[in-house]
C-alpha cells in the first residue's frame, strides 16, 4: 500500500470533489480516498502493485474542475 497527497488547485465546490472522487474510484487499485475542499487536497491510499502515483495524478488532473 502507498499514500499520495495531491493539491487540488481550482477545486472549490462539491461538484469538483465529486468529479475527482468518481474518477479515482474508477481507477484500479485505489483503496481509500479523502477529498478536502477546505484545504484543496486529496489523500489517496492505493495498492502500488495495481496503479502508480503518476496514474493517480493524471486521473486527478483530467477530473479537476475548471475555475468557476
Protein backbone atom coordinates (compact mmCIF):
# COMPACT_ATOMS: atom_id res chain seq x y z
CA UNK A 1 0.00 0.00 0.00
CA UNK A 2 1.03 3.57 -0.68
CA UNK A 3 -0.39 7.01 0.07
CA UNK A 4 -0.42 10.03 -2.22
CA UNK A 5 -1.47 13.54 -1.21
CA UNK A 6 -2.31 15.89 -4.06
CA UNK A 7 -3.15 19.57 -4.26
CA UNK A 8 -6.48 20.24 -5.96
CA UNK A 9 -5.97 23.68 -7.43
CA UNK A 10 -9.27 25.17 -8.53
CA UNK A 11 -11.39 22.59 -6.69
CA UNK A 12 -13.82 24.93 -4.99
CA UNK A 13 -17.20 23.21 -4.90
CA UNK A 14 -18.83 19.87 -4.09
CA UNK A 15 -19.12 19.13 -7.83
CA UNK A 16 -15.32 19.36 -8.09
CA UNK A 17 -14.86 16.98 -5.17
CA UNK A 18 -17.42 14.60 -6.65
CA UNK A 19 -15.72 14.61 -10.07
CA UNK A 20 -12.34 13.81 -8.52
CA UNK A 21 -13.81 11.16 -6.22
CA UNK A 22 -15.67 9.41 -9.06
CA UNK A 23 -12.61 9.39 -11.28
CA UNK A 24 -10.39 7.98 -8.54
CA UNK A 25 -12.92 5.33 -7.50
CA UNK A 26 -12.89 4.04 -11.08
CA UNK A 27 -9.09 3.67 -11.02
CA UNK A 28 -7.93 0.11 -10.36
CA UNK A 29 -6.04 -0.18 -7.07
CA UNK A 30 -7.47 2.82 -5.22
CA UNK A 31 -8.44 1.61 -1.76
CA UNK A 32 -9.47 4.80 0.06
CA UNK A 33 -9.61 8.50 -0.67
CA UNK A 34 -10.44 11.70 1.12
CA UNK A 35 -11.11 14.95 -0.74
CA UNK A 36 -10.82 18.06 1.45
CA UNK A 37 -12.16 21.16 -0.32
CA UNK A 38 -11.27 23.49 2.53
CA UNK A 39 -7.57 22.69 2.16
CA UNK A 40 -7.88 21.75 -1.55
CA UNK A 41 -6.14 18.39 -1.13
CA UNK A 42 -6.90 14.77 -1.86
CA UNK A 43 -5.32 11.93 0.08
CA UNK A 44 -5.39 8.60 -1.72
CA UNK A 45 -4.45 5.19 -0.35
CA UNK A 46 -3.73 2.75 -3.16
CA UNK A 47 -2.22 -0.61 -4.00
CA UNK A 48 1.08 0.24 -5.69
CA UNK A 49 1.05 -3.16 -7.42
CA UNK A 50 -2.10 -2.09 -9.32
CA UNK A 51 -1.57 1.61 -10.03
CA UNK A 52 1.07 4.32 -9.77
CA UNK A 53 1.31 7.78 -8.29
CA UNK A 54 1.65 9.13 -11.85
CA UNK A 55 -1.62 7.44 -12.92
CA UNK A 56 -3.39 8.91 -9.91
CA UNK A 57 -2.07 12.39 -10.68
CA UNK A 58 -3.14 12.11 -14.33
CA UNK A 59 -6.61 10.96 -13.28
CA UNK A 60 -6.99 13.88 -10.87
CA UNK A 61 -5.74 16.35 -13.49
CA UNK A 62 -8.30 15.08 -16.03
CA UNK A 63 -11.15 15.16 -13.50
CA UNK A 64 -10.43 18.50 -11.85
CA UNK A 65 -12.93 21.29 -12.35
CA UNK A 66 -12.07 24.37 -14.31
CA UNK A 67 -12.06 27.56 -12.30
CA UNK A 68 -15.65 28.75 -11.79
